[in-house]
PDB file of N, CA and C in Angstrom:
ATOM      1  N   MET A   1     115.533  52.083  73.199  1.00  0.00           N
ATOM      2  CA  MET A   1     114.861  53.170  72.499  1.00  0.00           C
ATOM      3  C   MET A   1     114.377  54.176  73.537  1.00  0.00           C
ATOM      4  N   ASP A   2     114.539  55.448  73.224  1.00  0.00           N
ATOM      5  CA  ASP A   2     114.015  56.503  74.099  1.00  0.00           C
ATOM      6  C   ASP A   2     112.632  56.884  73.600  1.00  0.00           C
ATOM      7  N   ALA A   3     111.619  56.368  74.269  1.00  0.00           N
ATOM      8  CA  ALA A   3     110.236  56.557  73.827  1.00  0.00           C
ATOM      9  C   ALA A   3     109.685  57.938  74.162  1.00  0.00           C
ATOM     10  N   SER A   4     110.539  58.828  74.638  1.00  0.00           N
ATOM     11  CA  SER A   4     110.092  60.205  74.863  1.00  0.00           C
ATOM     12  C   SER A   4     110.464  61.087  73.668  1.00  0.00           C
ATOM     13  N   LYS A   5     110.936  60.458  72.569  1.00  0.00           N
ATOM     14  CA  LYS A   5     111.391  61.217  71.401  1.00  0.00           C
ATOM     15  C   LYS A   5     110.889  60.609  70.104  1.00  0.00           C
ATOM     16  N   PHE A   6     110.768  61.478  69.089  1.00  0.00           N
ATOM     17  CA  PHE A   6     110.549  61.110  67.692  1.00  0.00           C
ATOM     18  C   PHE A   6     111.775  61.611  66.948  1.00  0.00           C
ATOM     19  N   ASP A   7     112.512  60.753  66.312  1.00  0.00           N
ATOM     20  CA  ASP A   7     113.692  61.172  65.543  1.00  0.00           C
ATOM     21  C   ASP A   7     114.590  62.113  66.340  1.00  0.00           C
ATOM     22  N   GLN A   8     114.898  61.732  67.560  1.00  0.00           N
ATOM     23  CA  GLN A   8     115.787  62.465  68.466  1.00  0.00           C
ATOM     24  C   GLN A   8     115.219  63.788  68.987  1.00  0.00           C
ATOM     25  N   GLU A   9     113.986  64.104  68.641  1.00  0.00           N
ATOM     26  CA  GLU A   9     113.334  65.316  69.134  1.00  0.00           C
ATOM     27  C   GLU A   9     112.320  64.936  70.201  1.00  0.00           C
ATOM     28  N   PRO A  10     112.234  65.704  71.287  1.00  0.00           N
ATOM     29  CA  PRO A  10     111.244  65.395  72.327  1.00  0.00           C
ATOM     30  C   PRO A  10     109.819  65.387  71.762  1.00  0.00           C
ATOM     31  N   VAL A  11     109.045  64.398  72.183  1.00  0.00           N
ATOM     32  CA  VAL A  11     107.654  64.341  71.737  1.00  0.00           C
ATOM     33  C   VAL A  11     106.841  65.394  72.478  1.00  0.00           C
ATOM     34  N   THR A  12     105.771  65.806  71.851  1.00  0.00           N
ATOM     35  CA  THR A  12     104.805  66.700  72.494  1.00  0.00           C
ATOM     36  C   THR A  12     103.449  66.020  72.429  1.00  0.00           C
ATOM     37  N   GLU A  13     102.585  66.397  73.335  1.00  0.00           N
ATOM     38  CA  GLU A  13     101.239  65.832  73.319  1.00  0.00           C
ATOM     39  C   GLU A  13     100.572  66.094  71.975  1.00  0.00           C
ATOM     40  N   GLU A  14     100.738  67.288  71.457  1.00  0.00           N
ATOM     41  CA  GLU A  14     100.111  67.647  70.185  1.00  0.00           C
ATOM     42  C   GLU A  14     100.595  66.738  69.054  1.00  0.00           C
ATOM     43  N   SER A  15     101.919  66.514  68.983  1.00  0.00           N
ATOM     44  CA  SER A  15     102.447  65.688  67.896  1.00  0.00           C
ATOM     45  C   SER A  15     101.979  64.241  68.033  1.00  0.00           C
ATOM     46  N   LEU A  16     101.904  63.742  69.260  1.00  0.00           N
ATOM     47  CA  LEU A  16     101.454  62.367  69.459  1.00  0.00           C
ATOM     48  C   LEU A  16      99.992  62.210  69.068  1.00  0.00           C
ATOM     49  N   LEU A  17      99.149  63.125  69.520  1.00  0.00           N
ATOM     50  CA  LEU A  17      97.723  63.036  69.191  1.00  0.00           C
ATOM     51  C   LEU A  17      97.498  63.195  67.690  1.00  0.00           C
ATOM     52  N   GLU A  18      98.259  64.071  67.041  1.00  0.00           N
ATOM     53  CA  GLU A  18      98.158  64.250  65.591  1.00  0.00           C
ATOM     54  C   GLU A  18      98.578  62.998  64.838  1.00  0.00           C
ATOM     55  N   ASN A  19      99.458  62.207  65.434  1.00  0.00           N
ATOM     56  CA  ASN A  19      99.967  60.997  64.794  1.00  0.00           C
ATOM     57  C   ASN A  19      99.208  59.738  65.215  1.00  0.00           C
ATOM     58  N   GLY A  20      98.026  59.900  65.790  1.00  0.00           N
ATOM     59  CA  GLY A  20      97.162  58.772  66.065  1.00  0.00           C
ATOM     60  C   GLY A  20      97.362  58.081  67.399  1.00  0.00           C
ATOM     61  N   TYR A  21      98.119  58.690  68.304  1.00  0.00           N
ATOM     62  CA  TYR A  21      98.317  58.106  69.624  1.00  0.00           C
ATOM     63  C   TYR A  21      97.146  58.466  70.535  1.00  0.00           C
ATOM     64  N   ARG A  22      96.823  57.548  71.427  1.00  0.00           N
ATOM     65  CA  ARG A  22      95.793  57.784  72.441  1.00  0.00           C
ATOM     66  C   ARG A  22      96.493  58.006  73.777  1.00  0.00           C
ATOM     67  N   LYS A  23      95.986  58.923  74.567  1.00  0.00           N
ATOM     68  CA  LYS A  23      96.613  59.306  75.823  1.00  0.00           C
ATOM     69  C   LYS A  23      95.998  58.561  77.004  1.00  0.00           C
ATOM     70  N   TYR A  24      96.881  58.057  77.877  1.00  0.00           N
ATOM     71  CA  TYR A  24      96.490  57.426  79.139  1.00  0.00           C
ATOM     72  C   TYR A  24      97.163  58.217  80.246  1.00  0.00           C
ATOM     73  N   VAL A  25      96.371  58.927  81.018  1.00  0.00           N
ATOM     74  CA  VAL A  25      96.863  59.906  81.978  1.00  0.00           C
ATOM     75  C   VAL A  25      97.320  59.245  83.277  1.00  0.00           C
ATOM     76  N   GLY A  26      98.466  59.704  83.768  1.00  0.00           N
ATOM     77  CA  GLY A  26      98.970  59.289  85.067  1.00  0.00           C
ATOM     78  C   GLY A  26      99.371  60.519  85.863  1.00  0.00           C
ATOM     79  N   LYS A  27      99.638  60.317  87.126  1.00  0.00           N
ATOM     80  CA  LYS A  27     100.026  61.438  87.990  1.00  0.00           C
ATOM     81  C   LYS A  27     101.403  61.980  87.616  1.00  0.00           C
ATOM     82  N   ASP A  28     102.369  61.087  87.377  1.00  0.00           N
ATOM     83  CA  ASP A  28     103.744  61.503  87.101  1.00  0.00           C
ATOM     84  C   ASP A  28     104.177  61.304  85.657  1.00  0.00           C
ATOM     85  N   VAL A  29     103.455  60.460  84.937  1.00  0.00           N
ATOM     86  CA  VAL A  29     103.804  60.201  83.542  1.00  0.00           C
ATOM     87  C   VAL A  29     102.523  59.880  82.772  1.00  0.00           C
ATOM     88  N   ASP A  30     102.420  60.439  81.562  1.00  0.00           N
ATOM     89  CA  ASP A  30     101.338  60.086  80.648  1.00  0.00           C
ATOM     90  C   ASP A  30     101.899  59.101  79.634  1.00  0.00           C
ATOM     91  N   ILE A  31     101.140  58.060  79.340  1.00  0.00           N
ATOM     92  CA  ILE A  31     101.549  57.056  78.367  1.00  0.00           C
ATOM     93  C   ILE A  31     100.655  57.197  77.146  1.00  0.00           C
ATOM     94  N   TYR A  32     101.257  57.093  75.980  1.00  0.00           N
ATOM     95  CA  TYR A  32     100.546  57.227  74.713  1.00  0.00           C
ATOM     96  C   TYR A  32     100.708  55.941  73.916  1.00  0.00           C
ATOM     97  N   TYR A  33      99.654  55.548  73.217  1.00  0.00           N
ATOM     98  CA  TYR A  33      99.655  54.294  72.465  1.00  0.00           C
ATOM     99  C   TYR A  33      99.027  54.494  71.100  1.00  0.00           C
ATOM    100  N   ASN A  34      99.678  53.941  70.078  1.00  0.00           N
ATOM    101  CA  ASN A  34      99.145  53.982  68.721  1.00  0.00           C
ATOM    102  C   ASN A  34      98.907  52.548  68.249  1.00  0.00           C
ATOM    103  N   LYS A  35      97.658  52.146  68.191  1.00  0.00           N
ATOM    104  CA  LYS A  35      97.300  50.776  67.821  1.00  0.00           C
ATOM    105  C   LYS A  35      97.680  50.445  66.378  1.00  0.00           C
ATOM    106  N   ASP A  36      97.763  51.460  65.530  1.00  0.00           N
ATOM    107  CA  ASP A  36      98.043  51.213  64.117  1.00  0.00           C
ATOM    108  C   ASP A  36      99.490  50.822  63.838  1.00  0.00           C
ATOM    109  N   ILE A  37     100.401  51.113  64.756  1.00  0.00           N
ATOM    110  CA  ILE A  37     101.793  50.725  64.532  1.00  0.00           C
ATOM    111  C   ILE A  37     102.276  49.650  65.509  1.00  0.00           C
ATOM    112  N   CYS A  38     101.408  49.216  66.387  1.00  0.00           N
ATOM    113  CA  CYS A  38     101.763  48.190  67.359  1.00  0.00           C
ATOM    114  C   CYS A  38     102.048  46.867  66.645  1.00  0.00           C
ATOM    115  N   ALA A  39     103.181  46.242  66.994  1.00  0.00           N
ATOM    116  CA  ALA A  39     103.564  44.950  66.413  1.00  0.00           C
ATOM    117  C   ALA A  39     103.138  43.788  67.303  1.00  0.00           C
ATOM    118  N   HIS A  40     102.498  44.066  68.430  1.00  0.00           N
ATOM    119  CA  HIS A  40     101.980  43.054  69.359  1.00  0.00           C
ATOM    120  C   HIS A  40     103.066  42.077  69.825  1.00  0.00           C
ATOM    121  N   ILE A  41     104.241  42.604  70.107  1.00  0.00           N
ATOM    122  CA  ILE A  41     105.357  41.803  70.618  1.00  0.00           C
ATOM    123  C   ILE A  41     105.099  41.399  72.072  1.00  0.00           C
ATOM    124  N   GLY A  42     104.456  42.281  72.850  1.00  0.00           N
ATOM    125  CA  GLY A  42     104.079  41.950  74.220  1.00  0.00           C
ATOM    126  C   GLY A  42     105.064  42.366  75.291  1.00  0.00           C
ATOM    127  N   ASN A  43     106.079  43.143  74.935  1.00  0.00           N
ATOM    128  CA  ASN A  43     107.021  43.605  75.964  1.00  0.00           C
ATOM    129  C   ASN A  43     106.317  44.375  77.066  1.00  0.00           C
ATOM    130  N   CYS A  44     105.279  45.093  76.713  1.00  0.00           N
ATOM    131  CA  CYS A  44     104.577  45.919  77.702  1.00  0.00           C
ATOM    132  C   CYS A  44     103.876  45.047  78.740  1.00  0.00           C
ATOM    133  N   VAL A  45     103.080  44.087  78.294  1.00  0.00           N
ATOM    134  CA  VAL A  45     102.335  43.266  79.248  1.00  0.00           C
ATOM    135  C   VAL A  45     103.250  42.345  80.047  1.00  0.00           C
ATOM    136  N   ARG A  46     104.346  41.900  79.450  1.00  0.00           N
ATOM    137  CA  ARG A  46     105.326  41.115  80.208  1.00  0.00           C
ATOM    138  C   ARG A  46     106.137  42.007  81.143  1.00  0.00           C
ATOM    139  N   GLY A  47     106.352  43.250  80.738  1.00  0.00           N
ATOM    140  CA  GLY A  47     107.167  44.178  81.530  1.00  0.00           C
ATOM    141  C   GLY A  47     106.485  44.622  82.805  1.00  0.00           C
ATOM    142  N   ASN A  48     105.177  44.889  82.751  1.00  0.00           N
ATOM    143  CA  ASN A  48     104.418  45.237  83.945  1.00  0.00           C
ATOM    144  C   ASN A  48     102.930  45.028  83.664  1.00  0.00           C
ATOM    145  N   PRO A  49     102.413  43.846  83.992  1.00  0.00           N
ATOM    146  CA  PRO A  49     101.001  43.560  83.727  1.00  0.00           C
ATOM    147  C   PRO A  49     100.030  44.349  84.593  1.00  0.00           C
ATOM    148  N   GLU A  50     100.520  45.011  85.624  1.00  0.00           N
ATOM    149  CA  GLU A  50      99.650  45.888  86.418  1.00  0.00           C
ATOM    150  C   GLU A  50      99.335  47.166  85.640  1.00  0.00           C
ATOM    151  N   ILE A  51     100.299  47.665  84.895  1.00  0.00           N
ATOM    152  CA  ILE A  51     100.104  48.882  84.087  1.00  0.00           C
ATOM    153  C   ILE A  51      99.453  48.533  82.747  1.00  0.00           C
ATOM    154  N   PHE A  52      99.928  47.477  82.106  1.00  0.00           N
ATOM    155  CA  PHE A  52      99.481  47.079  80.770  1.00  0.00           C
ATOM    156  C   PHE A  52      98.753  45.741  80.851  1.00  0.00           C
ATOM    157  N   GLU A  53      97.432  45.762  80.656  1.00  0.00           N
ATOM    158  CA  GLU A  53      96.628  44.535  80.731  1.00  0.00           C
ATOM    159  C   GLU A  53      95.609  44.565  79.601  1.00  0.00           C
ATOM    160  N   VAL A  54      95.829  43.741  78.580  1.00  0.00           N
ATOM    161  CA  VAL A  54      94.980  43.798  77.390  1.00  0.00           C
ATOM    162  C   VAL A  54      93.545  43.369  77.637  1.00  0.00           C
ATOM    163  N   GLY A  55      93.273  42.651  78.696  1.00  0.00           N
ATOM    164  CA  GLY A  55      91.926  42.186  78.964  1.00  0.00           C
ATOM    165  C   GLY A  55      91.033  43.170  79.699  1.00  0.00           C
ATOM    166  N   ARG A  56      91.517  44.337  79.998  1.00  0.00           N
ATOM    167  CA  ARG A  56      90.694  45.305  80.746  1.00  0.00           C
ATOM    168  C   ARG A  56      90.581  46.603  79.943  1.00  0.00           C
ATOM    169  N   ARG A  57      89.637  47.416  80.332  1.00  0.00           N
ATOM    170  CA  ARG A  57      89.449  48.746  79.732  1.00  0.00           C
ATOM    171  C   ARG A  57      89.464  49.775  80.846  1.00  0.00           C
ATOM    172  N   PRO A  58      90.282  50.781  80.812  1.00  0.00           N
ATOM    173  CA  PRO A  58      91.340  50.970  79.815  1.00  0.00           C
ATOM    174  C   PRO A  58      92.461  49.963  80.024  1.00  0.00           C
ATOM    175  N   TRP A  59      93.125  49.610  78.963  1.00  0.00           N
ATOM    176  CA  TRP A  59      94.151  48.577  79.063  1.00  0.00           C
ATOM    177  C   TRP A  59      95.465  49.114  79.624  1.00  0.00           C
ATOM    178  N   ILE A  60      95.627  50.430  79.622  1.00  0.00           N
ATOM    179  CA  ILE A  60      96.811  51.056  80.235  1.00  0.00           C
ATOM    180  C   ILE A  60      96.341  51.904  81.404  1.00  0.00           C
ATOM    181  N   ILE A  61      96.887  51.636  82.590  1.00  0.00           N
ATOM    182  CA  ILE A  61      96.652  52.480  83.766  1.00  0.00           C
ATOM    183  C   ILE A  61      98.032  52.906  84.269  1.00  0.00           C
ATOM    184  N   ALA A  62      98.412  54.105  83.896  1.00  0.00           N
ATOM    185  CA  ALA A  62      99.770  54.597  84.156  1.00  0.00           C
ATOM    186  C   ALA A  62     100.124  54.600  85.641  1.00  0.00           C
ATOM    187  N   ASP A  63      99.169  54.812  86.499  1.00  0.00           N
ATOM    188  CA  ASP A  63      99.437  54.900  87.940  1.00  0.00           C
ATOM    189  C   ASP A  63      99.431  53.551  88.650  1.00  0.00           C
ATOM    190  N   ASN A  64      99.332  52.452  87.936  1.00  0.00           N
ATOM    191  CA  ASN A  64      99.338  51.130  88.566  1.00  0.00           C
ATOM    192  C   ASN A  64     100.752  50.623  88.840  1.00  0.00           C
ATOM    193  N   GLY A  65     101.708  51.495  88.772  1.00  0.00           N
ATOM    194  CA  GLY A  65     103.097  51.151  89.067  1.00  0.00           C
ATOM    195  C   GLY A  65     103.907  52.429  89.136  1.00  0.00           C
ATOM    196  N   PRO A  66     105.148  52.319  89.592  1.00  0.00           N
ATOM    197  CA  PRO A  66     105.998  53.501  89.656  1.00  0.00           C
ATOM    198  C   PRO A  66     106.237  54.093  88.258  1.00  0.00           C
ATOM    199  N   ALA A  67     106.282  55.415  88.182  1.00  0.00           N
ATOM    200  CA  ALA A  67     106.492  56.087  86.898  1.00  0.00           C
ATOM    201  C   ALA A  67     107.785  55.626  86.240  1.00  0.00           C
ATOM    202  N   GLU A  68     108.827  55.435  87.036  1.00  0.00           N
ATOM    203  CA  GLU A  68     110.108  55.004  86.471  1.00  0.00           C
ATOM    204  C   GLU A  68     109.984  53.635  85.809  1.00  0.00           C
ATOM    205  N   ASN A  69     109.217  52.739  86.418  1.00  0.00           N
ATOM    206  CA  ASN A  69     109.000  51.433  85.821  1.00  0.00           C
ATOM    207  C   ASN A  69     108.201  51.550  84.532  1.00  0.00           C
ATOM    208  N   ALA A  70     107.187  52.398  84.518  1.00  0.00           N
ATOM    209  CA  ALA A  70     106.393  52.610  83.304  1.00  0.00           C
ATOM    210  C   ALA A  70     107.290  53.082  82.166  1.00  0.00           C
ATOM    211  N   VAL A  71     108.175  54.020  82.456  1.00  0.00           N
ATOM    212  CA  VAL A  71     109.106  54.540  81.450  1.00  0.00           C
ATOM    213  C   VAL A  71     110.017  53.424  80.946  1.00  0.00           C
ATOM    214  N   GLN A  72     110.550  52.621  81.849  1.00  0.00           N
ATOM    215  CA  GLN A  72     111.433  51.517  81.450  1.00  0.00           C
ATOM    216  C   GLN A  72     110.715  50.551  80.520  1.00  0.00           C
ATOM    217  N   VAL A  73     109.480  50.210  80.858  1.00  0.00           N
ATOM    218  CA  VAL A  73     108.717  49.273  80.037  1.00  0.00           C
ATOM    219  C   VAL A  73     108.396  49.892  78.677  1.00  0.00           C
ATOM    220  N   VAL A  74     107.945  51.125  78.653  1.00  0.00           N
ATOM    221  CA  VAL A  74     107.623  51.793  77.393  1.00  0.00           C
ATOM    222  C   VAL A  74     108.857  51.848  76.495  1.00  0.00           C
ATOM    223  N   ASN A  75     110.024  52.063  77.075  1.00  0.00           N
ATOM    224  CA  ASN A  75     111.260  52.121  76.289  1.00  0.00           C
ATOM    225  C   ASN A  75     111.627  50.785  75.642  1.00  0.00           C
ATOM    226  N   THR A  76     110.998  49.686  76.055  1.00  0.00           N
ATOM    227  CA  THR A  76     111.273  48.386  75.442  1.00  0.00           C
ATOM    228  C   THR A  76     110.385  48.097  74.237  1.00  0.00           C
ATOM    229  N   CYS A  77     109.468  48.993  73.926  1.00  0.00           N
ATOM    230  CA  CYS A  77     108.555  48.786  72.800  1.00  0.00           C
ATOM    231  C   CYS A  77     109.333  48.915  71.482  1.00  0.00           C
ATOM    232  N   PRO A  78     109.465  47.814  70.726  1.00  0.00           N
ATOM    233  CA  PRO A  78     110.280  47.865  69.520  1.00  0.00           C
ATOM    234  C   PRO A  78     109.646  48.608  68.343  1.00  0.00           C
ATOM    235  N   SER A  79     108.328  48.733  68.332  1.00  0.00           N
ATOM    236  CA  SER A  79     107.653  49.356  67.198  1.00  0.00           C
ATOM    237  C   SER A  79     107.497  50.866  67.330  1.00  0.00           C
ATOM    238  N   GLY A  80     107.634  51.388  68.560  1.00  0.00           N
ATOM    239  CA  GLY A  80     107.371  52.807  68.784  1.00  0.00           C
ATOM    240  C   GLY A  80     105.904  53.108  69.018  1.00  0.00           C
ATOM    241  N   ALA A  81     105.099  52.069  69.195  1.00  0.00           N
ATOM    242  CA  ALA A  81     103.661  52.268  69.428  1.00  0.00           C
ATOM    243  C   ALA A  81     103.392  52.890  70.789  1.00  0.00           C
ATOM    244  N   LEU A  82     104.330  52.759  71.712  1.00  0.00           N
ATOM    245  CA  LEU A  82     104.200  53.363  73.036  1.00  0.00           C
ATOM    246  C   LEU A  82     105.172  54.516  73.162  1.00  0.00           C
ATOM    247  N   LYS A  83     104.681  55.614  73.705  1.00  0.00           N
ATOM    248  CA  LYS A  83     105.503  56.792  73.989  1.00  0.00           C
ATOM    249  C   LYS A  83     105.093  57.292  75.363  1.00  0.00           C
ATOM    250  N   TYR A  84     105.871  58.176  75.935  1.00  0.00           N
ATOM    251  CA  TYR A  84     105.526  58.750  77.234  1.00  0.00           C
ATOM    252  C   TYR A  84     105.976  60.198  77.319  1.00  0.00           C
ATOM    253  N   ILE A  85     105.333  60.919  78.221  1.00  0.00           N
ATOM    254  CA  ILE A  85     105.739  62.278  78.579  1.00  0.00           C
ATOM    255  C   ILE A  85     105.711  62.344  80.092  1.00  0.00           C
ATOM    256  N   ARG A  86     106.863  62.659  80.674  1.00  0.00           N
ATOM    257  CA  ARG A  86     106.937  62.842  82.127  1.00  0.00           C
ATOM    258  C   ARG A  86     106.365  64.199  82.491  1.00  0.00           C
ATOM    259  N   LYS A  87     105.746  64.251  83.651  1.00  0.00           N
ATOM    260  CA  LYS A  87     105.178  65.531  84.109  1.00  0.00           C
ATOM    261  C   LYS A  87     106.141  66.203  85.056  1.00  0.00           C
TER     262      LYS A  87
END
């Protein structure tokens, strides 16, 4: 899944925030998360527990790993609860 798109259209910060996503800022990539559509499959925390750690606040720290890795992990989210925008 290409998590930088909604229905084949590039996501925008405005559309993500309007659709209930929360923004986690990084230097090279921003990660967005919508708790209401998360299926809790766990691909994110298994994919990179340095970036995604449910036991800490904030639970997503985009800069705790390479931006390319963050994008790869976000793209494995089956529910679409995670999205990203590269800077």
